[in-house]
All heavy atoms as atom14 arrays in JSON, in Angstrom:
{
  "sequence": "GGTVRLFEKELRTWKNRSYYQHVGFVFQQPDLQFLKQTVEDEF",
  "atom14_mask": [
    [1, 1, 1, 1, 0, 0, 0, 0, 0, 0, 0, 0, 0, 0],
    [1, 1, 1, 1, 0, 0, 0, 0, 0, 0, 0, 0, 0, 0],
    [1, 1, 1, 1, 1, 1, 1, 0, 0, 0, 0, 0, 0, 0],
    [1, 1, 1, 1, 1, 1, 1, 0, 0, 0, 0, 0, 0, 0],
    [1, 1, 1, 1, 1, 1, 1, 1, 1, 1, 1, 0, 0, 0],
    [1, 1, 1, 1, 1, 1, 1, 1, 0, 0, 0, 0, 0, 0],
    [1, 1, 1, 1, 1, 1, 1, 1, 1, 1, 1, 0, 0, 0],
    [1, 1, 1, 1, 1, 1, 1, 1, 1, 0, 0, 0, 0, 0],
    [1, 1, 1, 1, 1, 1, 1, 1, 1, 0, 0, 0, 0, 0],
    [1, 1, 1, 1, 1, 1, 1, 1, 1, 0, 0, 0, 0, 0],
    [1, 1, 1, 1, 1, 1, 1, 1, 0, 0, 0, 0, 0, 0],
    [1, 1, 1, 1, 1, 1, 1, 1, 1, 1, 1, 0, 0, 0],
    [1, 1, 1, 1, 1, 1, 1, 0, 0, 0, 0, 0, 0, 0],
    [1, 1, 1, 1, 1, 1, 1, 1, 1, 1, 1, 1, 1, 1],
    [1, 1, 1, 1, 1, 1, 1, 1, 1, 0, 0, 0, 0, 0],
    [1, 1, 1, 1, 1, 1, 1, 1, 0, 0, 0, 0, 0, 0],
    [1, 1, 1, 1, 1, 1, 1, 1, 1, 1, 1, 0, 0, 0],
    [1, 1, 1, 1, 1, 1, 0, 0, 0, 0, 0, 0, 0, 0],
    [1, 1, 1, 1, 1, 1, 1, 1, 1, 1, 1, 1, 0, 0],
    [1, 1, 1, 1, 1, 1, 1, 1, 1, 1, 1, 1, 0, 0],
    [1, 1, 1, 1, 1, 1, 1, 1, 1, 0, 0, 0, 0, 0],
    [1, 1, 1, 1, 1, 1, 1, 1, 1, 1, 0, 0, 0, 0],
    [1, 1, 1, 1, 1, 1, 1, 0, 0, 0, 0, 0, 0, 0],
    [1, 1, 1, 1, 0, 0, 0, 0, 0, 0, 0, 0, 0, 0],
    [1, 1, 1, 1, 1, 1, 1, 1, 1, 1, 1, 0, 0, 0],
    [1, 1, 1, 1, 1, 1, 1, 0, 0, 0, 0, 0, 0, 0],
    [1, 1, 1, 1, 1, 1, 1, 1, 1, 1, 1, 0, 0, 0],
    [1, 1, 1, 1, 1, 1, 1, 1, 1, 0, 0, 0, 0, 0],
    [1, 1, 1, 1, 1, 1, 1, 1, 1, 0, 0, 0, 0, 0],
    [1, 1, 1, 1, 1, 1, 1, 0, 0, 0, 0, 0, 0, 0],
    [1, 1, 1, 1, 1, 1, 1, 1, 0, 0, 0, 0, 0, 0],
    [1, 1, 1, 1, 1, 1, 1, 1, 0, 0, 0, 0, 0, 0],
    [1, 1, 1, 1, 1, 1, 1, 1, 1, 0, 0, 0, 0, 0],
    [1, 1, 1, 1, 1, 1, 1, 1, 1, 1, 1, 0, 0, 0],
    [1, 1, 1, 1, 1, 1, 1, 1, 0, 0, 0, 0, 0, 0],
    [1, 1, 1, 1, 1, 1, 1, 1, 1, 0, 0, 0, 0, 0],
    [1, 1, 1, 1, 1, 1, 1, 1, 1, 0, 0, 0, 0, 0],
    [1, 1, 1, 1, 1, 1, 1, 0, 0, 0, 0, 0, 0, 0],
    [1, 1, 1, 1, 1, 1, 1, 0, 0, 0, 0, 0, 0, 0],
    [1, 1, 1, 1, 1, 1, 1, 1, 1, 0, 0, 0, 0, 0],
    [1, 1, 1, 1, 1, 1, 1, 1, 0, 0, 0, 0, 0, 0],
    [1, 1, 1, 1, 1, 1, 1, 1, 1, 0, 0, 0, 0, 0],
    [1, 1, 1, 1, 1, 1, 1, 1, 1, 1, 1, 0, 0, 0]
  ],
  "atom14_positions": [
    [[0.84, -1.2, 0.0], [0.0, 0.0, 0.0], [0.87, 1.24, 0.0], [2.08, 1.17, 0.2], [0.0, 0.0, 0.0], [0.0, 0.0, 0.0], [0.0, 0.0, 0.0], [0.0, 0.0, 0.0], [0.0, 0.0, 0.0], [0.0, 0.0, 0.0], [0.0, 0.0, 0.0], [0.0, 0.0, 0.0], [0.0, 0.0, 0.0], [0.0, 0.0, 0.0]],
    [[0.25, 2.4, -0.24], [1.02, 3.64, -0.3], [1.81, 3.73, -1.6], [1.56, 3.0, -2.56], [0.0, 0.0, 0.0], [0.0, 0.0, 0.0], [0.0, 0.0, 0.0], [0.0, 0.0, 0.0], [0.0, 0.0, 0.0], [0.0, 0.0, 0.0], [0.0, 0.0, 0.0], [0.0, 0.0, 0.0], [0.0, 0.0, 0.0], [0.0, 0.0, 0.0]],
    [[2.78, 4.63, -1.62], [3.57, 4.82, -2.84], [5.06, 4.76, -2.53], [5.5, 5.14, -1.44], [3.25, 6.18, -3.5], [3.55, 7.23, -2.57], [1.8, 6.26, -3.92], [0.0, 0.0, 0.0], [0.0, 0.0, 0.0], [0.0, 0.0, 0.0], [0.0, 0.0, 0.0], [0.0, 0.0, 0.0], [0.0, 0.0, 0.0], [0.0, 0.0, 0.0]],
    [[5.83, 4.29, -3.52], [7.29, 4.3, -3.48], [7.76, 4.91, -4.79], [7.38, 4.44, -5.88], [7.89, 2.89, -3.31], [9.41, 2.98, -3.21], [7.31, 2.19, -2.09], [0.0, 0.0, 0.0], [0.0, 0.0, 0.0], [0.0, 0.0, 0.0], [0.0, 0.0, 0.0], [0.0, 0.0, 0.0], [0.0, 0.0, 0.0], [0.0, 0.0, 0.0]],
    [[8.59, 5.94, -4.71], [9.08, 6.6, -5.92], [10.61, 6.63, -5.93], [11.25, 6.78, -4.88], [8.56, 8.04, -5.98], [7.06, 8.17, -6.17], [6.67, 9.65, -6.29], [5.25, 9.83, -6.64], [4.29, 9.9, -5.74], [4.58, 9.82, -4.43], [3.04, 10.05, -6.12], [0.0, 0.0, 0.0], [0.0, 0.0, 0.0], [0.0, 0.0, 0.0]],
    [[11.16, 6.49, -7.11], [12.58, 6.74, -7.35], [12.68, 7.93, -8.3], [12.11, 7.88, -9.4], [13.27, 5.52, -7.96], [14.74, 5.73, -8.35], [15.61, 5.9, -7.11], [15.25, 4.57, -9.22], [0.0, 0.0, 0.0], [0.0, 0.0, 0.0], [0.0, 0.0, 0.0], [0.0, 0.0, 0.0], [0.0, 0.0, 0.0], [0.0, 0.0, 0.0]],
    [[13.36, 8.98, -7.88], [13.45, 10.22, -8.67], [12.06, 10.72, -9.06], [11.81, 11.06, -10.22], [14.31, 10.01, -9.92], [15.7, 9.52, -9.64], [16.27, 8.51, -10.42], [16.44, 10.03, -8.58], [17.54, 8.05, -10.16], [17.72, 9.57, -8.32], [18.27, 8.57, -9.12], [0.0, 0.0, 0.0], [0.0, 0.0, 0.0], [0.0, 0.0, 0.0]],
    [[11.13, 10.68, -8.08], [9.76, 11.19, -8.25], [8.93, 10.37, -9.24], [7.85, 10.79, -9.64], [9.77, 12.66, -8.69], [10.51, 13.59, -7.73], [9.91, 13.57, -6.32], [8.7, 13.32, -6.21], [10.66, 13.81, -5.35], [0.0, 0.0, 0.0], [0.0, 0.0, 0.0], [0.0, 0.0, 0.0], [0.0, 0.0, 0.0], [0.0, 0.0, 0.0]],
    [[9.42, 9.19, -9.62], [8.67, 8.33, -10.55], [8.33, 7.03, -9.83], [9.2, 6.38, -9.26], [9.53, 8.05, -11.79], [8.87, 7.19, -12.84], [9.81, 7.01, -14.04], [9.22, 6.09, -15.08], [10.12, 5.91, -16.26], [0.0, 0.0, 0.0], [0.0, 0.0, 0.0], [0.0, 0.0, 0.0], [0.0, 0.0, 0.0], [0.0, 0.0, 0.0]],
    [[7.05, 6.65, -9.83], [6.62, 5.46, -9.1], [7.31, 4.21, -9.63], [7.51, 4.06, -10.84], [5.09, 5.3, -9.2], [4.32, 6.29, -8.35], [2.89, 5.84, -8.11], [2.66, 4.62, -7.93], [2.01, 6.71, -8.11], [0.0, 0.0, 0.0], [0.0, 0.0, 0.0], [0.0, 0.0, 0.0], [0.0, 0.0, 0.0], [0.0, 0.0, 0.0]],
    [[7.64, 3.32, -8.68], [8.4, 2.13, -9.04], [7.7, 1.29, -10.1], [8.35, 0.74, -11.0], [8.66, 1.27, -7.79], [10.05, 1.41, -7.16], [10.3, 2.84, -6.72], [10.21, 0.46, -5.99], [0.0, 0.0, 0.0], [0.0, 0.0, 0.0], [0.0, 0.0, 0.0], [0.0, 0.0, 0.0], [0.0, 0.0, 0.0], [0.0, 0.0, 0.0]],
    [[6.38, 1.17, -10.0], [5.66, 0.29, -10.93], [5.73, 0.79, -12.37], [5.47, 0.02, -13.32], [4.21, 0.13, -10.5], [3.43, 1.43, -10.44], [2.01, 1.24, -9.9], [1.33, 2.5, -9.75], [0.73, 3.13, -10.74], [0.72, 2.61, -11.96], [0.1, 4.29, -10.51], [0.0, 0.0, 0.0], [0.0, 0.0, 0.0], [0.0, 0.0, 0.0]],
    [[6.08, 2.05, -12.57], [6.15, 2.59, -13.93], [7.54, 2.47, -14.54], [7.73, 2.76, -15.72], [5.73, 4.07, -13.94], [6.67, 4.84, -13.18], [4.32, 4.24, -13.36], [0.0, 0.0, 0.0], [0.0, 0.0, 0.0], [0.0, 0.0, 0.0], [0.0, 0.0, 0.0], [0.0, 0.0, 0.0], [0.0, 0.0, 0.0], [0.0, 0.0, 0.0]],
    [[8.53, 2.05, -13.73], [9.89, 1.86, -14.24], [10.0, 0.52, -14.96], [9.51, -0.5, -14.48], [10.9, 1.86, -13.1], [11.26, 3.21, -12.54], [10.63, 3.91, -11.57], [12.39, 4.01, -12.92], [11.27, 5.08, -11.3], [12.36, 5.17, -12.12], [13.42, 3.86, -13.84], [13.32, 6.18, -12.22], [14.38, 4.86, -13.96], [14.32, 6.0, -13.15]],
    [[10.68, 0.5, -16.08], [11.05, -0.76, -16.72], [12.29, -1.31, -16.02], [13.19, -0.55, -15.66], [11.32, -0.55, -18.2], [10.06, -0.18, -18.99], [10.36, -0.08, -20.48], [9.07, 0.23, -21.26], [9.32, 0.35, -22.71], [0.0, 0.0, 0.0], [0.0, 0.0, 0.0], [0.0, 0.0, 0.0], [0.0, 0.0, 0.0], [0.0, 0.0, 0.0]],
    [[12.33, -2.62, -15.86], [13.4, -3.23, -15.06], [14.79, -2.87, -15.57], [15.69, -2.55, -14.78], [13.23, -4.75, -15.03], [12.1, -5.19, -14.13], [11.59, -4.39, -13.34], [11.7, -6.44, -14.23], [0.0, 0.0, 0.0], [0.0, 0.0, 0.0], [0.0, 0.0, 0.0], [0.0, 0.0, 0.0], [0.0, 0.0, 0.0], [0.0, 0.0, 0.0]],
    [[15.02, -2.97, -16.88], [16.36, -2.7, -17.4], [16.83, -1.29, -17.03], [17.96, -1.1, -16.59], [16.37, -2.89, -18.92], [17.74, -2.61, -19.55], [17.7, -2.85, -21.05], [17.51, -4.27, -21.36], [18.51, -5.13, -21.45], [19.75, -4.73, -21.24], [18.27, -6.39, -21.75], [0.0, 0.0, 0.0], [0.0, 0.0, 0.0], [0.0, 0.0, 0.0]],
    [[15.95, -0.33, -17.17], [16.29, 1.05, -16.84], [16.47, 1.21, -15.33], [17.39, 1.9, -14.86], [15.21, 1.99, -17.36], [15.48, 3.32, -16.97], [0.0, 0.0, 0.0], [0.0, 0.0, 0.0], [0.0, 0.0, 0.0], [0.0, 0.0, 0.0], [0.0, 0.0, 0.0], [0.0, 0.0, 0.0], [0.0, 0.0, 0.0], [0.0, 0.0, 0.0]],
    [[15.59, 0.57, -14.55], [15.62, 0.72, -13.1], [16.95, 0.23, -12.52], [17.56, 0.91, -11.68], [14.46, -0.07, -12.49], [14.25, 0.19, -11.02], [13.59, 1.33, -10.58], [14.7, -0.72, -10.06], [13.39, 1.58, -9.23], [14.5, -0.49, -8.71], [13.85, 0.66, -8.31], [13.66, 0.89, -6.98], [0.0, 0.0, 0.0], [0.0, 0.0, 0.0]],
    [[17.39, -0.94, -12.97], [18.59, -1.53, -12.38], [19.89, -0.91, -12.9], [20.97, -1.27, -12.44], [18.57, -3.05, -12.57], [17.43, -3.69, -11.81], [16.46, -4.44, -12.46], [17.3, -3.49, -10.44], [15.4, -5.01, -11.76], [16.24, -4.04, -9.73], [15.29, -4.79, -10.4], [14.25, -5.33, -9.7], [0.0, 0.0, 0.0], [0.0, 0.0, 0.0]],
    [[19.77, 0.02, -13.83], [20.94, 0.83, -14.15], [21.19, 1.87, -13.05], [22.29, 2.36, -12.9], [20.73, 1.52, -15.5], [20.79, 0.57, -16.68], [20.48, 1.26, -18.0], [20.06, 2.43, -18.02], [20.67, 0.56, -19.1], [0.0, 0.0, 0.0], [0.0, 0.0, 0.0], [0.0, 0.0, 0.0], [0.0, 0.0, 0.0], [0.0, 0.0, 0.0]],
    [[20.14, 2.19, -12.32], [20.24, 3.18, -11.23], [20.4, 2.53, -9.86], [21.0, 3.13, -8.96], [18.98, 4.06, -11.21], [18.8, 4.9, -12.42], [19.49, 6.08, -12.63], [18.0, 4.73, -13.51], [19.12, 6.61, -13.78], [18.22, 5.82, -14.33], [0.0, 0.0, 0.0], [0.0, 0.0, 0.0], [0.0, 0.0, 0.0], [0.0, 0.0, 0.0]],
    [[19.82, 1.34, -9.68], [19.73, 0.72, -8.36], [20.42, -0.65, -8.37], [20.14, -1.49, -9.23], [18.25, 0.56, -7.94], [18.16, -0.13, -6.58], [17.55, 1.91, -7.91], [0.0, 0.0, 0.0], [0.0, 0.0, 0.0], [0.0, 0.0, 0.0], [0.0, 0.0, 0.0], [0.0, 0.0, 0.0], [0.0, 0.0, 0.0], [0.0, 0.0, 0.0]],
    [[21.32, -0.86, -7.4], [21.96, -2.16, -7.22], [21.51, -2.78, -5.91], [21.14, -2.08, -4.97], [0.0, 0.0, 0.0], [0.0, 0.0, 0.0], [0.0, 0.0, 0.0], [0.0, 0.0, 0.0], [0.0, 0.0, 0.0], [0.0, 0.0, 0.0], [0.0, 0.0, 0.0], [0.0, 0.0, 0.0], [0.0, 0.0, 0.0], [0.0, 0.0, 0.0]],
    [[21.55, -4.12, -5.86], [21.08, -4.83, -4.67], [22.02, -5.97, -4.32], [22.37, -6.78, -5.2], [19.66, -5.37, -4.92], [19.05, -6.08, -3.73], [18.88, -5.42, -2.53], [18.65, -7.4, -3.82], [18.31, -6.05, -1.43], [18.08, -8.05, -2.73], [17.91, -7.37, -1.53], [0.0, 0.0, 0.0], [0.0, 0.0, 0.0], [0.0, 0.0, 0.0]],
    [[22.44, -6.03, -3.06], [23.28, -7.13, -2.56], [22.42, -7.98, -1.63], [21.98, -7.51, -0.58], [24.51, -6.59, -1.81], [25.31, -7.74, -1.19], [25.41, -5.8, -2.76], [0.0, 0.0, 0.0], [0.0, 0.0, 0.0], [0.0, 0.0, 0.0], [0.0, 0.0, 0.0], [0.0, 0.0, 0.0], [0.0, 0.0, 0.0], [0.0, 0.0, 0.0]],
    [[22.17, -9.23, -2.02], [21.29, -10.11, -1.27], [21.91, -10.53, 0.07], [23.14, -10.59, 0.21], [21.0, -11.38, -2.07], [20.05, -11.19, -3.23], [20.51, -10.71, -4.44], [18.71, -11.49, -3.11], [19.66, -10.54, -5.52], [17.84, -11.32, -4.17], [18.32, -10.84, -5.38], [0.0, 0.0, 0.0], [0.0, 0.0, 0.0], [0.0, 0.0, 0.0]],
    [[21.03, -10.9, 1.01], [21.5, -11.45, 2.28], [22.18, -12.8, 2.05], [23.2, -13.1, 2.65], [20.32, -11.62, 3.24], [20.73, -12.0, 4.66], [19.53, -12.12, 5.58], [18.56, -12.81, 5.28], [19.57, -11.43, 6.7], [0.0, 0.0, 0.0], [0.0, 0.0, 0.0], [0.0, 0.0, 0.0], [0.0, 0.0, 0.0], [0.0, 0.0, 0.0]],
    [[21.62, -13.62, 1.15], [22.24, -14.88, 0.76], [22.85, -14.71, -0.63], [22.14, -14.67, -1.63], [21.2, -16.02, 0.76], [20.58, -16.3, 2.1], [21.59, -16.73, 3.15], [22.7, -17.15, 2.83], [21.22, -16.63, 4.42], [0.0, 0.0, 0.0], [0.0, 0.0, 0.0], [0.0, 0.0, 0.0], [0.0, 0.0, 0.0], [0.0, 0.0, 0.0]],
    [[24.16, -14.58, -0.73], [24.8, -14.24, -2.01], [24.55, -15.25, -3.12], [24.6, -14.9, -4.29], [26.29, -14.15, -1.65], [26.44, -14.82, -0.34], [25.14, -14.69, 0.37], [0.0, 0.0, 0.0], [0.0, 0.0, 0.0], [0.0, 0.0, 0.0], [0.0, 0.0, 0.0], [0.0, 0.0, 0.0], [0.0, 0.0, 0.0], [0.0, 0.0, 0.0]],
    [[24.26, -16.52, -2.77], [24.0, -17.52, -3.82], [22.87, -17.08, -4.75], [22.85, -17.45, -5.93], [23.62, -18.86, -3.19], [24.8, -19.55, -2.53], [25.9, -18.96, -2.55], [24.64, -20.66, -1.99], [0.0, 0.0, 0.0], [0.0, 0.0, 0.0], [0.0, 0.0, 0.0], [0.0, 0.0, 0.0], [0.0, 0.0, 0.0], [0.0, 0.0, 0.0]],
    [[21.91, -16.3, -4.23], [20.77, -15.87, -5.03], [21.15, -14.86, -6.1], [20.36, -14.58, -7.01], [19.7, -15.25, -4.11], [19.13, -16.15, -3.01], [18.19, -15.36, -2.13], [18.42, -17.35, -3.62], [0.0, 0.0, 0.0], [0.0, 0.0, 0.0], [0.0, 0.0, 0.0], [0.0, 0.0, 0.0], [0.0, 0.0, 0.0], [0.0, 0.0, 0.0]],
    [[22.35, -14.34, -6.02], [22.76, -13.23, -6.88], [23.57, -13.68, -8.1], [23.7, -12.93, -9.06], [23.59, -12.25, -6.03], [23.79, -10.89, -6.64], [24.33, -9.93, -5.59], [23.98, -10.01, -4.42], [25.18, -9.03, -6.02], [0.0, 0.0, 0.0], [0.0, 0.0, 0.0], [0.0, 0.0, 0.0], [0.0, 0.0, 0.0], [0.0, 0.0, 0.0]],
    [[24.1, -14.9, -8.06], [25.05, -15.32, -9.08], [24.35, -15.91, -10.3], [23.38, -16.65, -10.18], [26.05, -16.33, -8.5], [26.81, -15.8, -7.31], [27.03, -16.59, -6.2], [27.29, -14.5, -7.31], [27.72, -16.1, -5.1], [27.97, -14.0, -6.22], [28.19, -14.81, -5.11], [0.0, 0.0, 0.0], [0.0, 0.0, 0.0], [0.0, 0.0, 0.0]],
    [[24.88, -15.58, -11.5], [24.26, -15.97, -12.76], [25.18, -16.8, -13.65], [24.71, -17.49, -14.55], [23.82, -14.72, -13.53], [22.84, -13.78, -12.81], [22.66, -12.51, -13.61], [21.5, -14.48, -12.61], [0.0, 0.0, 0.0], [0.0, 0.0, 0.0], [0.0, 0.0, 0.0], [0.0, 0.0, 0.0], [0.0, 0.0, 0.0], [0.0, 0.0, 0.0]],
    [[26.48, -16.73, -13.43], [27.44, -17.34, -14.34], [28.17, -18.52, -13.7], [28.07, -18.78, -12.51], [28.44, -16.29, -14.81], [27.81, -15.21, -15.7], [27.28, -15.82, -17.0], [26.75, -14.77, -17.95], [26.29, -15.35, -19.22], [0.0, 0.0, 0.0], [0.0, 0.0, 0.0], [0.0, 0.0, 0.0], [0.0, 0.0, 0.0], [0.0, 0.0, 0.0]],
    [[28.94, -19.21, -14.54], [29.61, -20.45, -14.12], [30.92, -20.2, -13.39], [31.41, -21.07, -12.68], [29.89, -21.34, -15.33], [28.63, -21.82, -16.04], [27.79, -22.72, -15.15], [28.31, -23.62, -14.5], [26.5, -22.46, -15.11], [0.0, 0.0, 0.0], [0.0, 0.0, 0.0], [0.0, 0.0, 0.0], [0.0, 0.0, 0.0], [0.0, 0.0, 0.0]],
    [[31.53, -19.02, -13.59], [32.81, -18.73, -12.95], [32.78, -17.34, -12.31], [31.97, -16.47, -12.69], [33.99, -18.78, -13.95], [33.87, -17.67, -14.86], [34.0, -20.09, -14.72], [0.0, 0.0, 0.0], [0.0, 0.0, 0.0], [0.0, 0.0, 0.0], [0.0, 0.0, 0.0], [0.0, 0.0, 0.0], [0.0, 0.0, 0.0], [0.0, 0.0, 0.0]],
    [[33.69, -17.15, -11.37], [33.84, -15.84, -10.72], [34.2, -14.77, -11.75], [33.64, -13.67, -11.75], [34.93, -15.93, -9.63], [35.28, -14.54, -9.09], [34.49, -16.85, -8.5], [0.0, 0.0, 0.0], [0.0, 0.0, 0.0], [0.0, 0.0, 0.0], [0.0, 0.0, 0.0], [0.0, 0.0, 0.0], [0.0, 0.0, 0.0], [0.0, 0.0, 0.0]],
    [[35.12, -15.11, -12.63], [35.55, -14.15, -13.65], [34.38, -13.7, -14.52], [34.24, -12.5, -14.82], [36.63, -14.8, -14.52], [37.27, -13.86, -15.52], [38.41, -14.53, -16.26], [38.17, -15.6, -16.88], [39.53, -14.01, -16.2], [0.0, 0.0, 0.0], [0.0, 0.0, 0.0], [0.0, 0.0, 0.0], [0.0, 0.0, 0.0], [0.0, 0.0, 0.0]],
    [[33.51, -14.64, -14.89], [32.36, -14.28, -15.74], [31.36, -13.41, -14.99], [30.65, -12.61, -15.62], [31.68, -15.55, -16.25], [32.49, -16.24, -17.33], [33.36, -15.58, -17.92], [32.27, -17.46, -17.57], [0.0, 0.0, 0.0], [0.0, 0.0, 0.0], [0.0, 0.0, 0.0], [0.0, 0.0, 0.0], [0.0, 0.0, 0.0], [0.0, 0.0, 0.0]],
    [[31.27, -13.56, -13.66], [30.42, -12.67, -12.88], [30.9, -11.22, -12.99], [30.11, -10.28, -13.08], [30.38, -13.1, -11.42], [29.57, -14.36, -11.14], [28.08, -14.13, -11.27], [27.62, -12.97, -11.18], [27.36, -15.13, -11.47], [0.0, 0.0, 0.0], [0.0, 0.0, 0.0], [0.0, 0.0, 0.0], [0.0, 0.0, 0.0], [0.0, 0.0, 0.0]],
    [[32.23, -11.04, -13.0], [32.78, -9.7, -13.17], [32.5, -9.19, -14.58], [32.17, -8.01, -14.77], [34.29, -9.7, -12.91], [34.66, -9.68, -11.46], [35.12, -10.81, -10.82], [34.55, -8.5, -10.73], [35.45, -10.78, -9.47], [34.89, -8.46, -9.38], [35.34, -9.61, -8.76], [0.0, 0.0, 0.0], [0.0, 0.0, 0.0], [0.0, 0.0, 0.0]]
  ]
}
């Protein structure tokens, strides 16, 4: 409920690709964050 805005624009109106160029997130469990097969590829 209520509203959440980033730069005065509501979150639901942001497209994900554009949003995550501005906002980064570090998970509590880092395993959830990894996408690649090697550490080097994550970089």
